[in-house]
Amino acid sequence: MTFSREETLKALTLRAIADDYESFVMVVHEVTKWSSERELSFSEEEIESTLLMLVDEELGDLAIWRSA
């Protein structure tokens, strides 16, 4: 089965956030690493957009940390 570019980005982003909370920088790092192994490239903006889409679809969660 071959995934489209968008489906691959969604799957890699889900994989990056699946185990625990990750910083956005770490999500970008992991997605970039895994996509390069597949000879693909995604911009930080594409990864951010996909992450926000996953949150909207309730497949991901977003934690905002504030310092006191």
N, C-alpha and C. Protein backbone atom coordinates (compact mmCIF):
# COMPACT_ATOMS: atom_id res chain seq x y z
N MET A 1 0.84 -1.18 0.00
CA MET A 1 0.00 0.00 0.00
C MET A 1 0.89 1.24 0.00
N THR A 2 0.60 2.16 -0.87
CA THR A 2 1.35 3.40 -0.96
C THR A 2 0.51 4.54 -0.40
N PHE A 3 1.13 5.32 0.49
CA PHE A 3 0.44 6.45 1.08
C PHE A 3 0.78 7.72 0.30
N SER A 4 -0.18 8.64 0.27
CA SER A 4 0.08 9.94 -0.33
C SER A 4 1.05 10.71 0.57
N ARG A 5 1.56 11.79 0.05
CA ARG A 5 2.47 12.64 0.82
C ARG A 5 1.79 13.13 2.10
N GLU A 6 0.53 13.56 1.97
CA GLU A 6 -0.22 14.07 3.13
C GLU A 6 -0.49 12.98 4.14
N GLU A 7 -0.84 11.79 3.67
CA GLU A 7 -1.08 10.67 4.59
C GLU A 7 0.19 10.27 5.32
N THR A 8 1.32 10.34 4.62
CA THR A 8 2.60 10.02 5.25
C THR A 8 2.91 11.04 6.33
N LEU A 9 2.71 12.31 6.04
CA LEU A 9 2.97 13.35 7.05
C LEU A 9 2.07 13.15 8.26
N LYS A 10 0.82 12.85 8.05
CA LYS A 10 -0.10 12.63 9.16
C LYS A 10 0.35 11.43 10.00
N ALA A 11 0.72 10.34 9.35
CA ALA A 11 1.16 9.14 10.07
C ALA A 11 2.44 9.41 10.86
N LEU A 12 3.39 10.11 10.27
CA LEU A 12 4.64 10.40 10.97
C LEU A 12 4.41 11.34 12.15
N THR A 13 3.53 12.31 11.99
CA THR A 13 3.22 13.23 13.08
C THR A 13 2.53 12.50 14.22
N LEU A 14 1.60 11.62 13.88
CA LEU A 14 0.95 10.80 14.92
C LEU A 14 1.97 9.95 15.65
N ARG A 15 2.89 9.37 14.91
CA ARG A 15 3.94 8.54 15.52
C ARG A 15 4.78 9.37 16.48
N ALA A 16 5.09 10.60 16.11
CA ALA A 16 5.93 11.46 16.94
C ALA A 16 5.26 11.84 18.25
N ILE A 17 3.94 11.90 18.27
CA ILE A 17 3.23 12.31 19.49
C ILE A 17 2.58 11.14 20.21
N ALA A 18 2.73 9.94 19.71
CA ALA A 18 1.98 8.79 20.22
C ALA A 18 2.35 8.39 21.65
N ASP A 19 3.59 8.40 22.00
CA ASP A 19 4.01 7.84 23.28
C ASP A 19 3.82 8.76 24.47
N ASP A 20 4.07 10.03 24.26
CA ASP A 20 3.94 10.98 25.36
C ASP A 20 3.94 12.39 24.80
N TYR A 21 3.92 13.36 25.70
CA TYR A 21 3.96 14.75 25.26
C TYR A 21 5.36 15.06 24.75
N GLU A 22 5.44 15.65 23.61
CA GLU A 22 6.71 16.06 23.02
C GLU A 22 6.65 17.55 22.73
N SER A 23 7.79 18.19 22.81
CA SER A 23 7.84 19.59 22.42
C SER A 23 7.67 19.67 20.90
N PHE A 24 7.24 20.82 20.44
CA PHE A 24 7.07 21.00 19.00
C PHE A 24 8.40 20.81 18.29
N VAL A 25 9.48 21.28 18.89
CA VAL A 25 10.81 21.12 18.29
C VAL A 25 11.14 19.64 18.11
N MET A 26 10.81 18.83 19.10
CA MET A 26 11.09 17.39 19.01
C MET A 26 10.20 16.73 17.96
N VAL A 27 8.95 17.14 17.86
CA VAL A 27 8.05 16.60 16.82
C VAL A 27 8.63 16.91 15.44
N VAL A 28 9.04 18.15 15.23
CA VAL A 28 9.63 18.54 13.95
C VAL A 28 10.88 17.72 13.67
N HIS A 29 11.73 17.56 14.67
CA HIS A 29 12.96 16.79 14.51
C HIS A 29 12.66 15.35 14.09
N GLU A 30 11.76 14.70 14.81
CA GLU A 30 11.43 13.30 14.52
C GLU A 30 10.78 13.14 13.15
N VAL A 31 9.81 13.98 12.84
CA VAL A 31 9.13 13.89 11.54
C VAL A 31 10.13 14.14 10.41
N THR A 32 11.00 15.11 10.60
CA THR A 32 12.02 15.40 9.58
C THR A 32 12.95 14.21 9.38
N LYS A 33 13.38 13.60 10.47
CA LYS A 33 14.27 12.44 10.40
C LYS A 33 13.59 11.28 9.68
N TRP A 34 12.37 10.96 10.11
CA TRP A 34 11.68 9.81 9.51
C TRP A 34 11.31 10.07 8.06
N SER A 35 10.95 11.30 7.73
CA SER A 35 10.58 11.60 6.34
C SER A 35 11.80 11.53 5.43
N SER A 36 12.96 11.95 5.92
CA SER A 36 14.17 11.87 5.09
C SER A 36 14.54 10.42 4.80
N GLU A 37 14.23 9.52 5.72
CA GLU A 37 14.45 8.08 5.49
C GLU A 37 13.58 7.57 4.34
N ARG A 38 12.50 8.29 4.07
CA ARG A 38 11.57 7.93 2.98
C ARG A 38 11.78 8.82 1.75
N GLU A 39 12.88 9.58 1.80
CA GLU A 39 13.22 10.51 0.72
C GLU A 39 12.13 11.55 0.49
N LEU A 40 11.55 12.02 1.60
CA LEU A 40 10.55 13.07 1.59
C LEU A 40 11.05 14.23 2.43
N SER A 41 10.44 15.38 2.23
CA SER A 41 10.78 16.56 3.01
C SER A 41 9.52 17.34 3.31
N PHE A 42 9.37 17.74 4.57
CA PHE A 42 8.22 18.55 4.99
C PHE A 42 8.73 19.79 5.70
N SER A 43 8.09 20.92 5.46
CA SER A 43 8.48 22.15 6.14
C SER A 43 7.92 22.16 7.56
N GLU A 44 8.49 23.01 8.38
CA GLU A 44 8.00 23.17 9.75
C GLU A 44 6.54 23.60 9.73
N GLU A 45 6.17 24.45 8.77
CA GLU A 45 4.79 24.92 8.66
C GLU A 45 3.84 23.77 8.32
N GLU A 46 4.27 22.86 7.45
CA GLU A 46 3.44 21.70 7.12
C GLU A 46 3.24 20.80 8.33
N ILE A 47 4.30 20.60 9.10
CA ILE A 47 4.21 19.77 10.30
C ILE A 47 3.30 20.43 11.32
N GLU A 48 3.45 21.73 11.51
CA GLU A 48 2.59 22.47 12.44
C GLU A 48 1.13 22.36 12.02
N SER A 49 0.85 22.57 10.76
CA SER A 49 -0.51 22.49 10.25
C SER A 49 -1.10 21.10 10.48
N THR A 50 -0.30 20.08 10.24
CA THR A 50 -0.77 18.71 10.45
C THR A 50 -1.01 18.43 11.92
N LEU A 51 -0.14 18.91 12.78
CA LEU A 51 -0.32 18.73 14.22
C LEU A 51 -1.61 19.40 14.69
N LEU A 52 -1.86 20.61 14.22
CA LEU A 52 -3.09 21.31 14.60
C LEU A 52 -4.32 20.60 14.05
N MET A 53 -4.22 20.02 12.85
CA MET A 53 -5.32 19.25 12.28
C MET A 53 -5.62 18.03 13.16
N LEU A 54 -4.57 17.36 13.64
CA LEU A 54 -4.76 16.20 14.51
C LEU A 54 -5.43 16.59 15.82
N VAL A 55 -5.08 17.76 16.34
CA VAL A 55 -5.73 18.26 17.55
C VAL A 55 -7.21 18.54 17.26
N ASP A 56 -7.50 19.17 16.13
CA ASP A 56 -8.89 19.44 15.74
C ASP A 56 -9.69 18.14 15.59
N GLU A 57 -9.04 17.09 15.08
CA GLU A 57 -9.70 15.80 14.89
C GLU A 57 -9.71 14.97 16.18
N GLU A 58 -9.18 15.56 17.26
CA GLU A 58 -9.09 14.92 18.57
C GLU A 58 -8.24 13.65 18.53
N LEU A 59 -7.27 13.63 17.64
CA LEU A 59 -6.31 12.54 17.57
C LEU A 59 -5.01 12.91 18.26
N GLY A 60 -4.89 14.17 18.62
CA GLY A 60 -3.71 14.67 19.32
C GLY A 60 -4.14 15.64 20.39
N ASP A 61 -3.24 15.96 21.26
CA ASP A 61 -3.52 16.89 22.35
C ASP A 61 -2.42 17.94 22.35
N LEU A 62 -2.78 19.11 22.80
CA LEU A 62 -1.84 20.22 22.82
C LEU A 62 -1.74 20.72 24.25
N ALA A 63 -0.54 20.69 24.78
CA ALA A 63 -0.32 21.20 26.13
C ALA A 63 0.46 22.50 26.03
N ILE A 64 -0.02 23.50 26.70
CA ILE A 64 0.65 24.79 26.71
C ILE A 64 1.20 25.01 28.11
N TRP A 65 2.51 25.14 28.19
CA TRP A 65 3.17 25.32 29.48
C TRP A 65 3.44 26.81 29.68
N ARG A 66 3.08 27.29 30.83
CA ARG A 66 3.33 28.69 31.16
C ARG A 66 4.20 28.75 32.41
N SER A 67 5.14 29.65 32.37
CA SER A 67 5.96 29.84 33.57
C SER A 67 5.26 30.82 34.49
N ALA A 68 5.36 30.59 35.76
CA ALA A 68 4.67 31.44 36.74
C ALA A 68 5.40 32.74 36.95
